[in-house]
Amino acid sequence: MDAWTKTKMKKFTVEEFQSDFDNLMERVENGESFILTSEYGEAVMLPYDKNVEDLVKIHTELNNDAP
C-alpha cells in the first residue's frame, strides 16, 4: 500500500467546500484529495490522474474504519 492511501484525507462539509471553492480546487489540481461530507453521505474529491485501484483501496480502508 502506498503512502497516498495510508494518509487520512481531510474532510470538508459541502458548505466549507463551496465557501473556499477556488482554494480547494487548486489544492485538488495540485494532487490533494478530500472527503466531502453532507447530511446525505460522503464523496471523494481527487485529482483525475489517480487510478481506479487507488479508489478501491480508499473505499476499502474507509469502510474498514467505520464503527
N, C-alpha and C. Protein backbone atom coordinates (compact mmCIF):
# COMPACT_ATOMS: atom_id res chain seq x y z
N MET A 1 0.85 -1.18 0.00
CA MET A 1 0.00 0.00 0.00
C MET A 1 0.90 1.24 0.00
N ASP A 2 0.60 2.18 -0.87
CA ASP A 2 1.47 3.36 -0.96
C ASP A 2 1.11 4.42 0.08
N ALA A 3 1.96 5.42 0.19
CA ALA A 3 1.78 6.46 1.20
C ALA A 3 0.49 7.24 0.99
N TRP A 4 0.07 7.39 -0.26
CA TRP A 4 -1.14 8.17 -0.55
C TRP A 4 -2.35 7.52 0.10
N THR A 5 -2.47 6.20 0.00
CA THR A 5 -3.65 5.54 0.56
C THR A 5 -3.55 5.40 2.08
N LYS A 6 -2.35 5.48 2.64
CA LYS A 6 -2.19 5.40 4.09
C LYS A 6 -2.55 6.71 4.77
N THR A 7 -2.46 7.79 4.04
CA THR A 7 -2.74 9.11 4.59
C THR A 7 -4.24 9.32 4.74
N LYS A 8 -4.65 9.77 5.91
CA LYS A 8 -6.06 10.09 6.10
C LYS A 8 -6.37 11.39 5.37
N MET A 9 -7.41 11.36 4.58
CA MET A 9 -7.80 12.56 3.86
C MET A 9 -8.56 13.51 4.78
N LYS A 10 -8.37 14.79 4.53
CA LYS A 10 -9.10 15.80 5.29
C LYS A 10 -10.55 15.80 4.84
N LYS A 11 -11.44 16.09 5.78
CA LYS A 11 -12.86 16.17 5.47
C LYS A 11 -13.32 17.62 5.49
N PHE A 12 -14.19 17.95 4.54
CA PHE A 12 -14.81 19.26 4.46
C PHE A 12 -16.29 19.05 4.23
N THR A 13 -17.10 19.89 4.85
CA THR A 13 -18.53 19.86 4.53
C THR A 13 -18.71 20.48 3.15
N VAL A 14 -19.84 20.21 2.55
CA VAL A 14 -20.15 20.82 1.26
C VAL A 14 -20.14 22.34 1.38
N GLU A 15 -20.66 22.83 2.49
CA GLU A 15 -20.68 24.29 2.71
C GLU A 15 -19.26 24.86 2.79
N GLU A 16 -18.37 24.17 3.50
CA GLU A 16 -16.97 24.62 3.58
C GLU A 16 -16.32 24.59 2.20
N PHE A 17 -16.59 23.54 1.45
CA PHE A 17 -16.03 23.43 0.11
C PHE A 17 -16.52 24.56 -0.78
N GLN A 18 -17.81 24.85 -0.71
CA GLN A 18 -18.37 25.93 -1.53
C GLN A 18 -17.80 27.29 -1.15
N SER A 19 -17.59 27.52 0.14
CA SER A 19 -17.11 28.84 0.57
C SER A 19 -15.63 29.04 0.25
N ASP A 20 -14.88 27.97 0.07
CA ASP A 20 -13.44 28.06 -0.23
C ASP A 20 -13.13 27.32 -1.53
N PHE A 21 -14.08 27.37 -2.47
CA PHE A 21 -14.01 26.58 -3.70
C PHE A 21 -12.71 26.76 -4.48
N ASP A 22 -12.32 27.99 -4.76
CA ASP A 22 -11.14 28.22 -5.59
C ASP A 22 -9.88 27.63 -4.96
N ASN A 23 -9.70 27.85 -3.67
CA ASN A 23 -8.53 27.33 -2.97
C ASN A 23 -8.52 25.80 -2.95
N LEU A 24 -9.65 25.20 -2.60
CA LEU A 24 -9.69 23.75 -2.50
C LEU A 24 -9.59 23.09 -3.87
N MET A 25 -10.16 23.67 -4.90
CA MET A 25 -10.00 23.13 -6.25
C MET A 25 -8.55 23.20 -6.69
N GLU A 26 -7.87 24.28 -6.37
CA GLU A 26 -6.45 24.39 -6.70
C GLU A 26 -5.65 23.31 -5.99
N ARG A 27 -5.98 23.05 -4.73
CA ARG A 27 -5.29 22.01 -3.97
C ARG A 27 -5.52 20.63 -4.61
N VAL A 28 -6.73 20.36 -5.06
CA VAL A 28 -7.02 19.09 -5.74
C VAL A 28 -6.23 19.02 -7.04
N GLU A 29 -6.20 20.09 -7.79
CA GLU A 29 -5.44 20.13 -9.04
C GLU A 29 -3.95 19.90 -8.80
N ASN A 30 -3.47 20.23 -7.61
CA ASN A 30 -2.07 20.03 -7.25
C ASN A 30 -1.82 18.68 -6.58
N GLY A 31 -2.82 17.80 -6.57
CA GLY A 31 -2.60 16.45 -6.11
C GLY A 31 -3.26 16.03 -4.81
N GLU A 32 -3.87 16.96 -4.09
CA GLU A 32 -4.52 16.59 -2.82
C GLU A 32 -5.88 15.96 -3.07
N SER A 33 -6.33 15.18 -2.10
CA SER A 33 -7.65 14.56 -2.15
C SER A 33 -8.39 14.89 -0.87
N PHE A 34 -9.71 15.00 -0.97
CA PHE A 34 -10.54 15.35 0.18
C PHE A 34 -11.78 14.48 0.21
N ILE A 35 -12.38 14.42 1.39
CA ILE A 35 -13.70 13.82 1.53
C ILE A 35 -14.67 14.96 1.77
N LEU A 36 -15.73 14.99 0.97
CA LEU A 36 -16.78 15.99 1.15
C LEU A 36 -17.93 15.31 1.88
N THR A 37 -18.42 15.96 2.94
CA THR A 37 -19.49 15.37 3.73
C THR A 37 -20.74 16.23 3.67
N SER A 38 -21.86 15.57 3.75
CA SER A 38 -23.14 16.26 3.83
C SER A 38 -24.10 15.36 4.60
N GLU A 39 -25.30 15.85 4.80
CA GLU A 39 -26.29 15.04 5.51
C GLU A 39 -26.68 13.80 4.72
N TYR A 40 -26.34 13.77 3.43
CA TYR A 40 -26.71 12.66 2.56
C TYR A 40 -25.61 11.61 2.42
N GLY A 41 -24.42 11.90 2.92
CA GLY A 41 -23.32 10.95 2.81
C GLY A 41 -22.00 11.64 2.53
N GLU A 42 -21.07 10.88 2.01
CA GLU A 42 -19.73 11.39 1.73
C GLU A 42 -19.35 11.10 0.28
N ALA A 43 -18.48 11.95 -0.25
CA ALA A 43 -17.93 11.77 -1.59
C ALA A 43 -16.45 12.09 -1.54
N VAL A 44 -15.70 11.50 -2.45
CA VAL A 44 -14.26 11.75 -2.51
C VAL A 44 -13.97 12.70 -3.66
N MET A 45 -13.17 13.72 -3.38
CA MET A 45 -12.72 14.67 -4.39
C MET A 45 -11.24 14.41 -4.59
N LEU A 46 -10.85 13.98 -5.80
CA LEU A 46 -9.45 13.67 -6.03
C LEU A 46 -9.05 14.04 -7.44
N PRO A 47 -7.73 14.20 -7.66
CA PRO A 47 -7.25 14.55 -8.98
C PRO A 47 -7.60 13.46 -10.00
N TYR A 48 -7.80 13.85 -11.21
CA TYR A 48 -8.18 12.93 -12.28
C TYR A 48 -7.14 11.84 -12.49
N ASP A 49 -5.87 12.14 -12.24
CA ASP A 49 -4.81 11.17 -12.55
C ASP A 49 -4.71 10.02 -11.56
N LYS A 50 -5.49 10.04 -10.47
CA LYS A 50 -5.50 8.91 -9.54
C LYS A 50 -6.20 7.75 -10.25
N ASN A 51 -5.65 6.54 -10.13
CA ASN A 51 -6.25 5.44 -10.87
C ASN A 51 -7.31 4.70 -10.05
N VAL A 52 -8.02 3.84 -10.70
CA VAL A 52 -9.14 3.13 -10.09
C VAL A 52 -8.68 2.25 -8.93
N GLU A 53 -7.52 1.67 -9.03
CA GLU A 53 -7.01 0.82 -7.95
C GLU A 53 -6.90 1.62 -6.65
N ASP A 54 -6.44 2.87 -6.74
CA ASP A 54 -6.36 3.73 -5.56
C ASP A 54 -7.75 3.96 -4.97
N LEU A 55 -8.75 4.16 -5.82
CA LEU A 55 -10.11 4.39 -5.34
C LEU A 55 -10.63 3.18 -4.57
N VAL A 56 -10.34 2.00 -5.08
CA VAL A 56 -10.79 0.78 -4.41
C VAL A 56 -10.12 0.66 -3.04
N LYS A 57 -8.84 0.98 -2.96
CA LYS A 57 -8.13 0.92 -1.68
C LYS A 57 -8.72 1.91 -0.69
N ILE A 58 -9.00 3.12 -1.14
CA ILE A 58 -9.57 4.14 -0.26
C ILE A 58 -10.93 3.68 0.25
N HIS A 59 -11.76 3.21 -0.66
CA HIS A 59 -13.10 2.76 -0.29
C HIS A 59 -13.01 1.64 0.75
N THR A 60 -12.14 0.69 0.51
CA THR A 60 -11.99 -0.44 1.42
C THR A 60 -11.50 0.03 2.79
N GLU A 61 -10.51 0.91 2.82
CA GLU A 61 -9.97 1.40 4.08
C GLU A 61 -11.02 2.20 4.84
N LEU A 62 -11.75 3.05 4.16
CA LEU A 62 -12.76 3.87 4.83
C LEU A 62 -13.85 2.99 5.42
N ASN A 63 -14.26 1.98 4.69
CA ASN A 63 -15.31 1.11 5.19
C ASN A 63 -14.81 0.22 6.33
N ASN A 64 -13.55 -0.12 6.33
CA ASN A 64 -12.99 -0.92 7.43
C ASN A 64 -12.82 -0.08 8.69
N ASP A 65 -12.68 1.25 8.55
CA ASP A 65 -12.54 2.14 9.70
C ASP A 65 -13.89 2.51 10.30
N ALA A 66 -14.97 2.21 9.60
CA ALA A 66 -16.30 2.60 10.08
C ALA A 66 -16.65 1.87 11.38
N PRO A 67 -17.36 2.55 12.29
CA PRO A 67 -17.72 1.90 13.55
C PRO A 67 -18.72 0.76 13.35
